[in-house]
Amino acid sequence: MTTTVPLISIAAGCPSHASPSRPFRLLAAVTSALLWLPRFWKARRDLAALAAMSECERRDIGVTAFDIENALALPVDRDPTEALARIVDDRRHRREC
């Protein structure tokens, strides 16, 4: 015996059950929204620690005061520490070539 699937509801665009990925996507969006503020404050604390360093210490890790000012000017949804890491990697790569 064969089981048939009613094609009327599928063809009409109303599936008989919700997609299992929809609740997971909703959960991921809610989790991301709730965890955004702690990530934002952590990134700002990291930038404050970099800004508090002396010029010699910042030079040792490859960051300038201008880089920190630029990172502070980034939109709040972007992680400034990732941008600074990219800048440092670019500088190191240019030095090696």
PDB file of N, CA and C in Angstrom:
ATOM      1  N   MET A   1       0.833  -1.167   0.000  1.00  0.00           N
ATOM      2  CA  MET A   1       0.000   0.000   0.000  1.00  0.00           C
ATOM      3  C   MET A   1       0.883   1.236   0.000  1.00  0.00           C
ATOM      4  N   THR A   2       0.501   2.238  -0.709  1.00  0.00           N
ATOM      5  CA  THR A   2       1.277   3.450  -0.871  1.00  0.00           C
ATOM      6  C   THR A   2       0.566   4.609  -0.191  1.00  0.00           C
ATOM      7  N   THR A   3       1.356   5.471   0.445  1.00  0.00           N
ATOM      8  CA  THR A   3       0.801   6.653   1.087  1.00  0.00           C
ATOM      9  C   THR A   3       0.932   7.824   0.128  1.00  0.00           C
ATOM     10  N   THR A   4      -0.118   8.560  -0.031  1.00  0.00           N
ATOM     11  CA  THR A   4      -0.082   9.727  -0.905  1.00  0.00           C
ATOM     12  C   THR A   4      -0.109  10.994  -0.069  1.00  0.00           C
ATOM     13  N   VAL A   5       0.546  12.008  -0.564  1.00  0.00           N
ATOM     14  CA  VAL A   5       0.581  13.301   0.101  1.00  0.00           C
ATOM     15  C   VAL A   5      -0.399  14.212  -0.603  1.00  0.00           C
ATOM     16  N   PRO A   6      -1.265  14.869   0.135  1.00  0.00           N
ATOM     17  CA  PRO A   6      -2.210  15.773  -0.533  1.00  0.00           C
ATOM     18  C   PRO A   6      -1.482  16.940  -1.179  1.00  0.00           C
ATOM     19  N   LEU A   7      -1.571  17.050  -2.461  1.00  0.00           N
ATOM     20  CA  LEU A   7      -0.868  18.093  -3.207  1.00  0.00           C
ATOM     21  C   LEU A   7      -1.602  19.418  -3.192  1.00  0.00           C
ATOM     22  N   ILE A   8      -2.843  19.429  -2.775  1.00  0.00           N
ATOM     23  CA  ILE A   8      -3.631  20.658  -2.795  1.00  0.00           C
ATOM     24  C   ILE A   8      -3.038  21.694  -1.842  1.00  0.00           C
ATOM     25  N   SER A   9      -2.695  21.276  -0.631  1.00  0.00           N
ATOM     26  CA  SER A   9      -2.181  22.243   0.334  1.00  0.00           C
ATOM     27  C   SER A   9      -0.780  22.706  -0.043  1.00  0.00           C
ATOM     28  N   ILE A  10       0.023  21.823  -0.629  1.00  0.00           N
ATOM     29  CA  ILE A  10       1.364  22.219  -1.050  1.00  0.00           C
ATOM     30  C   ILE A  10       1.283  23.171  -2.234  1.00  0.00           C
ATOM     31  N   ALA A  11       0.409  22.862  -3.178  1.00  0.00           N
ATOM     32  CA  ALA A  11       0.266  23.716  -4.350  1.00  0.00           C
ATOM     33  C   ALA A  11      -0.324  25.072  -3.973  1.00  0.00           C
ATOM     34  N   ALA A  12      -1.140  25.118  -2.962  1.00  0.00           N
ATOM     35  CA  ALA A  12      -1.758  26.376  -2.552  1.00  0.00           C
ATOM     36  C   ALA A  12      -0.814  27.244  -1.734  1.00  0.00           C
ATOM     37  N   GLY A  13       0.354  26.710  -1.399  1.00  0.00           N
ATOM     38  CA  GLY A  13       1.321  27.498  -0.652  1.00  0.00           C
ATOM     39  C   GLY A  13       1.138  27.435   0.845  1.00  0.00           C
ATOM     40  N   CYS A  14       0.316  26.540   1.330  1.00  0.00           N
ATOM     41  CA  CYS A  14       0.125  26.407   2.770  1.00  0.00           C
ATOM     42  C   CYS A  14       0.447  24.974   3.174  1.00  0.00           C
ATOM     43  N   PRO A  15       1.713  24.721   3.517  1.00  0.00           N
ATOM     44  CA  PRO A  15       2.082  23.370   3.901  1.00  0.00           C
ATOM     45  C   PRO A  15       1.350  22.935   5.158  1.00  0.00           C
ATOM     46  N   SER A  16       1.214  21.627   5.304  1.00  0.00           N
ATOM     47  CA  SER A  16       0.445  21.107   6.429  1.00  0.00           C
ATOM     48  C   SER A  16       1.154  21.278   7.766  1.00  0.00           C
ATOM     49  N   HIS A  17       2.461  21.460   7.757  1.00  0.00           N
ATOM     50  CA  HIS A  17       3.191  21.675   9.011  1.00  0.00           C
ATOM     51  C   HIS A  17       4.255  22.742   8.796  1.00  0.00           C
ATOM     52  N   ALA A  18       4.650  23.381   9.862  1.00  0.00           N
ATOM     53  CA  ALA A  18       5.646  24.446   9.783  1.00  0.00           C
ATOM     54  C   ALA A  18       7.029  23.842   9.546  1.00  0.00           C
ATOM     55  N   SER A  19       7.859  24.592   8.899  1.00  0.00           N
ATOM     56  CA  SER A  19       9.230  24.160   8.652  1.00  0.00           C
ATOM     57  C   SER A  19       9.968  24.034   9.983  1.00  0.00           C
ATOM     58  N   PRO A  20      10.694  22.935  10.202  1.00  0.00           N
ATOM     59  CA  PRO A  20      11.393  22.792  11.489  1.00  0.00           C
ATOM     60  C   PRO A  20      12.503  23.813  11.675  1.00  0.00           C
ATOM     61  N   SER A  21      12.984  24.414  10.600  1.00  0.00           N
ATOM     62  CA  SER A  21      14.060  25.387  10.753  1.00  0.00           C
ATOM     63  C   SER A  21      13.549  26.756  11.199  1.00  0.00           C
ATOM     64  N   ARG A  22      12.284  27.035  11.023  1.00  0.00           N
ATOM     65  CA  ARG A  22      11.727  28.339  11.405  1.00  0.00           C
ATOM     66  C   ARG A  22      11.866  28.606  12.902  1.00  0.00           C
ATOM     67  N   PRO A  23      11.505  27.674  13.794  1.00  0.00           N
ATOM     68  CA  PRO A  23      11.697  27.945  15.232  1.00  0.00           C
ATOM     69  C   PRO A  23      13.167  28.119  15.601  1.00  0.00           C
ATOM     70  N   PHE A  24      14.036  27.363  14.939  1.00  0.00           N
ATOM     71  CA  PHE A  24      15.457  27.487  15.238  1.00  0.00           C
ATOM     72  C   PHE A  24      16.012  28.834  14.774  1.00  0.00           C
ATOM     73  N   ARG A  25      15.533  29.303  13.625  1.00  0.00           N
ATOM     74  CA  ARG A  25      15.964  30.631  13.155  1.00  0.00           C
ATOM     75  C   ARG A  25      15.466  31.720  14.093  1.00  0.00           C
ATOM     76  N   LEU A  26      14.243  31.580  14.572  1.00  0.00           N
ATOM     77  CA  LEU A  26      13.692  32.550  15.513  1.00  0.00           C
ATOM     78  C   LEU A  26      14.471  32.536  16.814  1.00  0.00           C
ATOM     79  N   LEU A  27      14.785  31.341  17.307  1.00  0.00           N
ATOM     80  CA  LEU A  27      15.568  31.214  18.534  1.00  0.00           C
ATOM     81  C   LEU A  27      16.961  31.833  18.358  1.00  0.00           C
ATOM     82  N   ALA A  28      17.576  31.599  17.217  1.00  0.00           N
ATOM     83  CA  ALA A  28      18.899  32.175  16.953  1.00  0.00           C
ATOM     84  C   ALA A  28      18.841  33.700  16.894  1.00  0.00           C
ATOM     85  N   ALA A  29      17.793  34.248  16.299  1.00  0.00           N
ATOM     86  CA  ALA A  29      17.644  35.700  16.221  1.00  0.00           C
ATOM     87  C   ALA A  29      17.428  36.307  17.606  1.00  0.00           C
ATOM     88  N   VAL A  30      16.615  35.672  18.415  1.00  0.00           N
ATOM     89  CA  VAL A  30      16.355  36.173  19.773  1.00  0.00           C
ATOM     90  C   VAL A  30      17.621  36.091  20.615  1.00  0.00           C
ATOM     91  N   THR A  31      18.339  34.975  20.516  1.00  0.00           N
ATOM     92  CA  THR A  31      19.580  34.810  21.265  1.00  0.00           C
ATOM     93  C   THR A  31      20.604  35.854  20.855  1.00  0.00           C
ATOM     94  N   SER A  32      20.727  36.080  19.560  1.00  0.00           N
ATOM     95  CA  SER A  32      21.670  37.084  19.069  1.00  0.00           C
ATOM     96  C   SER A  32      21.309  38.476  19.578  1.00  0.00           C
ATOM     97  N   ALA A  33      20.034  38.787  19.581  1.00  0.00           N
ATOM     98  CA  ALA A  33      19.598  40.103  20.055  1.00  0.00           C
ATOM     99  C   ALA A  33      19.865  40.274  21.548  1.00  0.00           C
ATOM    100  N   LEU A  34      19.647  39.218  22.316  1.00  0.00           N
ATOM    101  CA  LEU A  34      19.873  39.309  23.762  1.00  0.00           C
ATOM    102  C   LEU A  34      21.353  39.408  24.118  1.00  0.00           C
ATOM    103  N   LEU A  35      22.188  38.766  23.324  1.00  0.00           N
ATOM    104  CA  LEU A  35      23.615  38.761  23.627  1.00  0.00           C
ATOM    105  C   LEU A  35      24.372  39.919  22.982  1.00  0.00           C
ATOM    106  N   TRP A  36      23.679  40.746  22.210  1.00  0.00           N
ATOM    107  CA  TRP A  36      24.348  41.848  21.529  1.00  0.00           C
ATOM    108  C   TRP A  36      24.914  42.866  22.523  1.00  0.00           C
ATOM    109  N   LEU A  37      24.156  43.247  23.511  1.00  0.00           N
ATOM    110  CA  LEU A  37      24.609  44.269  24.451  1.00  0.00           C
ATOM    111  C   LEU A  37      25.848  43.838  25.238  1.00  0.00           C
ATOM    112  N   PRO A  38      25.901  42.622  25.779  1.00  0.00           N
ATOM    113  CA  PRO A  38      27.143  42.220  26.460  1.00  0.00           C
ATOM    114  C   PRO A  38      28.359  42.195  25.525  1.00  0.00           C
ATOM    115  N   ARG A  39      28.159  41.775  24.268  1.00  0.00           N
ATOM    116  CA  ARG A  39      29.276  41.787  23.310  1.00  0.00           C
ATOM    117  C   ARG A  39      29.724  43.212  23.032  1.00  0.00           C
ATOM    118  N   PHE A  40      28.763  44.125  22.914  1.00  0.00           N
ATOM    119  CA  PHE A  40      29.081  45.525  22.663  1.00  0.00           C
ATOM    120  C   PHE A  40      29.906  46.101  23.810  1.00  0.00           C
ATOM    121  N   TRP A  41      29.473  45.858  25.050  1.00  0.00           N
ATOM    122  CA  TRP A  41      30.203  46.409  26.198  1.00  0.00           C
ATOM    123  C   TRP A  41      31.577  45.786  26.350  1.00  0.00           C
ATOM    124  N   LYS A  42      31.715  44.500  26.040  1.00  0.00           N
ATOM    125  CA  LYS A  42      33.025  43.857  26.110  1.00  0.00           C
ATOM    126  C   LYS A  42      33.981  44.478  25.091  1.00  0.00           C
ATOM    127  N   ALA A  43      33.491  44.705  23.883  1.00  0.00           N
ATOM    128  CA  ALA A  43      34.332  45.320  22.852  1.00  0.00           C
ATOM    129  C   ALA A  43      34.742  46.734  23.272  1.00  0.00           C
ATOM    130  N   ARG A  44      33.829  47.479  23.884  1.00  0.00           N
ATOM    131  CA  ARG A  44      34.170  48.834  24.339  1.00  0.00           C
ATOM    132  C   ARG A  44      35.172  48.808  25.485  1.00  0.00           C
ATOM    133  N   ARG A  45      35.059  47.821  26.376  1.00  0.00           N
ATOM    134  CA  ARG A  45      36.050  47.677  27.455  1.00  0.00           C
ATOM    135  C   ARG A  45      37.425  47.351  26.887  1.00  0.00           C
ATOM    136  N   ASP A  46      37.449  46.483  25.852  1.00  0.00           N
ATOM    137  CA  ASP A  46      38.724  46.148  25.211  1.00  0.00           C
ATOM    138  C   ASP A  46      39.358  47.386  24.575  1.00  0.00           C
ATOM    139  N   LEU A  47      38.538  48.206  23.933  1.00  0.00           N
ATOM    140  CA  LEU A  47      39.056  49.439  23.332  1.00  0.00           C
ATOM    141  C   LEU A  47      39.544  50.411  24.397  1.00  0.00           C
ATOM    142  N   ALA A  48      38.829  50.492  25.508  1.00  0.00           N
ATOM    143  CA  ALA A  48      39.264  51.375  26.595  1.00  0.00           C
ATOM    144  C   ALA A  48      40.605  50.916  27.150  1.00  0.00           C
ATOM    145  N   ALA A  49      40.809  49.604  27.239  1.00  0.00           N
ATOM    146  CA  ALA A  49      42.089  49.080  27.714  1.00  0.00           C
ATOM    147  C   ALA A  49      43.209  49.415  26.731  1.00  0.00           C
ATOM    148  N   LEU A  50      42.919  49.323  25.444  1.00  0.00           N
ATOM    149  CA  LEU A  50      43.924  49.695  24.440  1.00  0.00           C
ATOM    150  C   LEU A  50      44.232  51.189  24.501  1.00  0.00           C
ATOM    151  N   ALA A  51      43.210  51.993  24.687  1.00  0.00           N
ATOM    152  CA  ALA A  51      43.414  53.442  24.748  1.00  0.00           C
ATOM    153  C   ALA A  51      44.207  53.834  25.989  1.00  0.00           C
ATOM    154  N   ALA A  52      44.097  53.048  27.059  1.00  0.00           N
ATOM    155  CA  ALA A  52      44.811  53.362  28.293  1.00  0.00           C
ATOM    156  C   ALA A  52      46.288  52.964  28.226  1.00  0.00           C
ATOM    157  N   MET A  53      46.658  52.176  27.228  1.00  0.00           N
ATOM    158  CA  MET A  53      48.058  51.763  27.092  1.00  0.00           C
ATOM    159  C   MET A  53      48.923  52.938  26.660  1.00  0.00           C
ATOM    160  N   SER A  54      50.196  52.828  26.957  1.00  0.00           N
ATOM    161  CA  SER A  54      51.127  53.858  26.493  1.00  0.00           C
ATOM    162  C   SER A  54      51.378  53.660  25.000  1.00  0.00           C
ATOM    163  N   GLU A  55      51.928  54.683  24.386  1.00  0.00           N
ATOM    164  CA  GLU A  55      52.219  54.605  22.945  1.00  0.00           C
ATOM    165  C   GLU A  55      53.214  53.482  22.645  1.00  0.00           C
ATOM    166  N   CYS A  56      54.150  53.273  23.544  1.00  0.00           N
ATOM    167  CA  CYS A  56      55.136  52.208  23.369  1.00  0.00           C
ATOM    168  C   CYS A  56      54.477  50.826  23.398  1.00  0.00           C
ATOM    169  N   GLU A  57      53.547  50.627  24.318  1.00  0.00           N
ATOM    170  CA  GLU A  57      52.840  49.346  24.398  1.00  0.00           C
ATOM    171  C   GLU A  57      51.976  49.112  23.160  1.00  0.00           C
ATOM    172  N   ARG A  58      51.314  50.165  22.712  1.00  0.00           N
ATOM    173  CA  ARG A  58      50.487  50.024  21.502  1.00  0.00           C
ATOM    174  C   ARG A  58      51.357  49.743  20.288  1.00  0.00           C
ATOM    175  N   ARG A  59      52.518  50.369  20.211  1.00  0.00           N
ATOM    176  CA  ARG A  59      53.426  50.131  19.092  1.00  0.00           C
ATOM    177  C   ARG A  59      53.890  48.673  19.076  1.00  0.00           C
ATOM    178  N   ASP A  60      54.088  48.088  20.268  1.00  0.00           N
ATOM    179  CA  ASP A  60      54.498  46.686  20.355  1.00  0.00           C
ATOM    180  C   ASP A  60      53.470  45.737  19.740  1.00  0.00           C
ATOM    181  N   ILE A  61      52.200  46.055  19.875  1.00  0.00           N
ATOM    182  CA  ILE A  61      51.169  45.187  19.305  1.00  0.00           C
ATOM    183  C   ILE A  61      50.705  45.660  17.925  1.00  0.00           C
ATOM    184  N   GLY A  62      51.237  46.786  17.457  1.00  0.00           N
ATOM    185  CA  GLY A  62      50.946  47.238  16.103  1.00  0.00           C
ATOM    186  C   GLY A  62      49.727  48.105  15.960  1.00  0.00           C
ATOM    187  N   VAL A  63      49.310  48.768  17.021  1.00  0.00           N
ATOM    188  CA  VAL A  63      48.113  49.620  16.990  1.00  0.00           C
ATOM    189  C   VAL A  63      48.518  51.042  17.340  1.00  0.00           C
ATOM    190  N   THR A  64      47.957  51.995  16.625  1.00  0.00           N
ATOM    191  CA  THR A  64      48.212  53.402  16.927  1.00  0.00           C
ATOM    192  C   THR A  64      46.977  54.025  17.568  1.00  0.00           C
ATOM    193  N   ALA A  65      47.155  55.206  18.118  1.00  0.00           N
ATOM    194  CA  ALA A  65      46.023  55.930  18.712  1.00  0.00           C
ATOM    195  C   ALA A  65      44.983  56.259  17.642  1.00  0.00           C
ATOM    196  N   PHE A  66      45.443  56.532  16.433  1.00  0.00           N
ATOM    197  CA  PHE A  66      44.529  56.822  15.331  1.00  0.00           C
ATOM    198  C   PHE A  66      43.667  55.603  14.997  1.00  0.00           C
ATOM    199  N   ASP A  67      44.262  54.407  15.070  1.00  0.00           N
ATOM    200  CA  ASP A  67      43.498  53.180  14.823  1.00  0.00           C
ATOM    201  C   ASP A  67      42.380  53.025  15.850  1.00  0.00           C
ATOM    202  N   ILE A  68      42.669  53.335  17.090  1.00  0.00           N
ATOM    203  CA  ILE A  68      41.659  53.214  18.148  1.00  0.00           C
ATOM    204  C   ILE A  68      40.544  54.238  17.930  1.00  0.00           C
ATOM    205  N   GLU A  69      40.901  55.454  17.529  1.00  0.00           N
ATOM    206  CA  GLU A  69      39.876  56.463  17.236  1.00  0.00           C
ATOM    207  C   GLU A  69      38.985  56.009  16.087  1.00  0.00           C
ATOM    208  N   ASN A  70      39.592  55.421  15.065  1.00  0.00           N
ATOM    209  CA  ASN A  70      38.799  54.922  13.935  1.00  0.00           C
ATOM    210  C   ASN A  70      37.891  53.770  14.357  1.00  0.00           C
ATOM    211  N   ALA A  71      38.385  52.910  15.239  1.00  0.00           N
ATOM    212  CA  ALA A  71      37.566  51.790  15.718  1.00  0.00           C
ATOM    213  C   ALA A  71      36.374  52.296  16.528  1.00  0.00           C
ATOM    214  N   LEU A  72      36.565  53.365  17.271  1.00  0.00           N
ATOM    215  CA  LEU A  72      35.453  53.939  18.034  1.00  0.00           C
ATOM    216  C   LEU A  72      34.399  54.575  17.128  1.00  0.00           C
ATOM    217  N   ALA A  73      34.792  54.954  15.920  1.00  0.00           N
ATOM    218  CA  ALA A  73      33.862  55.581  14.988  1.00  0.00           C
ATOM    219  C   ALA A  73      33.054  54.567  14.187  1.00  0.00           C
ATOM    220  N   LEU A  74      33.351  53.288  14.336  1.00  0.00           N
ATOM    221  CA  LEU A  74      32.612  52.262  13.609  1.00  0.00           C
ATOM    222  C   LEU A  74      31.171  52.194  14.109  1.00  0.00           C
ATOM    223  N   PRO A  75      30.261  51.706  13.265  1.00  0.00           N
ATOM    224  CA  PRO A  75      28.880  51.518  13.739  1.00  0.00           C
ATOM    225  C   PRO A  75      28.841  50.549  14.915  1.00  0.00           C
ATOM    226  N   VAL A  76      27.839  50.696  15.768  1.00  0.00           N
ATOM    227  CA  VAL A  76      27.784  49.903  16.992  1.00  0.00           C
ATOM    228  C   VAL A  76      27.551  48.421  16.728  1.00  0.00           C
ATOM    229  N   ASP A  77      27.062  48.048  15.557  1.00  0.00           N
ATOM    230  CA  ASP A  77      26.831  46.631  15.290  1.00  0.00           C
ATOM    231  C   ASP A  77      28.088  45.911  14.799  1.00  0.00           C
ATOM    232  N   ARG A  78      29.175  46.635  14.557  1.00  0.00           N
ATOM    233  CA  ARG A  78      30.437  46.012  14.134  1.00  0.00           C
ATOM    234  C   ARG A  78      31.372  45.911  15.321  1.00  0.00           C
ATOM    235  N   ASP A  79      32.134  44.822  15.365  1.00  0.00           N
ATOM    236  CA  ASP A  79      33.070  44.593  16.456  1.00  0.00           C
ATOM    237  C   ASP A  79      34.365  45.341  16.154  1.00  0.00           C
ATOM    238  N   PRO A  80      34.711  46.353  16.957  1.00  0.00           N
ATOM    239  CA  PRO A  80      35.918  47.135  16.681  1.00  0.00           C
ATOM    240  C   PRO A  80      37.211  46.334  16.874  1.00  0.00           C
ATOM    241  N   THR A  81      37.183  45.328  17.735  1.00  0.00           N
ATOM    242  CA  THR A  81      38.396  44.541  17.937  1.00  0.00           C
ATOM    243  C   THR A  81      38.730  43.717  16.701  1.00  0.00           C
ATOM    244  N   GLU A  82      37.724  43.255  15.971  1.00  0.00           N
ATOM    245  CA  GLU A  82      37.975  42.543  14.723  1.00  0.00           C
ATOM    246  C   GLU A  82      38.580  43.482  13.687  1.00  0.00           C
ATOM    247  N   ALA A  83      38.090  44.708  13.629  1.00  0.00           N
ATOM    248  CA  ALA A  83      38.642  45.684  12.684  1.00  0.00           C
ATOM    249  C   ALA A  83      40.098  45.999  13.023  1.00  0.00           C
ATOM    250  N   LEU A  84      40.403  46.144  14.306  1.00  0.00           N
ATOM    251  CA  LEU A  84      41.785  46.405  14.713  1.00  0.00           C
ATOM    252  C   LEU A  84      42.689  45.212  14.399  1.00  0.00           C
ATOM    253  N   ALA A  85      42.200  44.012  14.616  1.00  0.00           N
ATOM    254  CA  ALA A  85      42.992  42.819  14.298  1.00  0.00           C
ATOM    255  C   ALA A  85      43.289  42.748  12.812  1.00  0.00           C
ATOM    256  N   ARG A  86      42.322  43.113  11.979  1.00  0.00           N
ATOM    257  CA  ARG A  86      42.532  43.122  10.527  1.00  0.00           C
ATOM    258  C   ARG A  86      43.586  44.157  10.135  1.00  0.00           C
ATOM    259  N   ILE A  87      43.550  45.328  10.766  1.00  0.00           N
ATOM    260  CA  ILE A  87      44.535  46.379  10.486  1.00  0.00           C
ATOM    261  C   ILE A  87      45.933  45.904  10.849  1.00  0.00           C
ATOM    262  N   VAL A  88      46.066  45.288  12.016  1.00  0.00           N
ATOM    263  CA  VAL A  88      47.377  44.805  12.466  1.00  0.00           C
ATOM    264  C   VAL A  88      47.889  43.713  11.531  1.00  0.00           C
ATOM    265  N   ASP A  89      47.018  42.794  11.127  1.00  0.00           N
ATOM    266  CA  ASP A  89      47.432  41.737  10.201  1.00  0.00           C
ATOM    267  C   ASP A  89      47.882  42.311   8.868  1.00  0.00           C
ATOM    268  N   ASP A  90      47.161  43.324   8.362  1.00  0.00           N
ATOM    269  CA  ASP A  90      47.552  43.966   7.101  1.00  0.00           C
ATOM    270  C   ASP A  90      48.927  44.608   7.219  1.00  0.00           C
ATOM    271  N   ARG A  91      49.172  45.282   8.315  1.00  0.00           N
ATOM    272  CA  ARG A  91      50.482  45.932   8.507  1.00  0.00           C
ATOM    273  C   ARG A  91      51.605  44.901   8.585  1.00  0.00           C
ATOM    274  N   ARG A  92      51.370  43.835   9.303  1.00  0.00           N
ATOM    275  CA  ARG A  92      52.401  42.787   9.407  1.00  0.00           C
ATOM    276  C   ARG A  92      52.664  42.152   8.053  1.00  0.00           C
ATOM    277  N   HIS A  93      51.614  41.935   7.295  1.00  0.00           N
ATOM    278  CA  HIS A  93      51.768  41.336   5.975  1.00  0.00           C
ATOM    279  C   HIS A  93      52.551  42.256   5.039  1.00  0.00           C
ATOM    280  N   ARG A  94      52.269  43.566   5.098  1.00  0.00           N
ATOM    281  CA  ARG A  94      52.999  44.518   4.255  1.00  0.00           C
ATOM    282  C   ARG A  94      54.474  44.600   4.649  1.00  0.00           C
ATOM    283  N   ARG A  95      54.763  44.476   5.937  1.00  0.00           N
ATOM    284  CA  ARG A  95      56.155  44.505   6.407  1.00  0.00           C
ATOM    285  C   ARG A  95      56.933  43.289   5.907  1.00  0.00           C
ATOM    286  N   GLU A  96      56.269  42.131   5.837  1.00  0.00           N
ATOM    287  CA  GLU A  96      56.938  40.908   5.438  1.00  0.00           C
ATOM    288  C   GLU A  96      57.242  40.889   3.952  1.00  0.00           C
ATOM    289  N   CYS A  97      56.441  41.555   3.148  1.00  0.00           N
ATOM    290  CA  CYS A  97      56.635  41.535   1.694  1.00  0.00           C
ATOM    291  C   CYS A  97      57.731  42.458   1.223  1.00  0.00           C
TER     292      CYS A  97
END
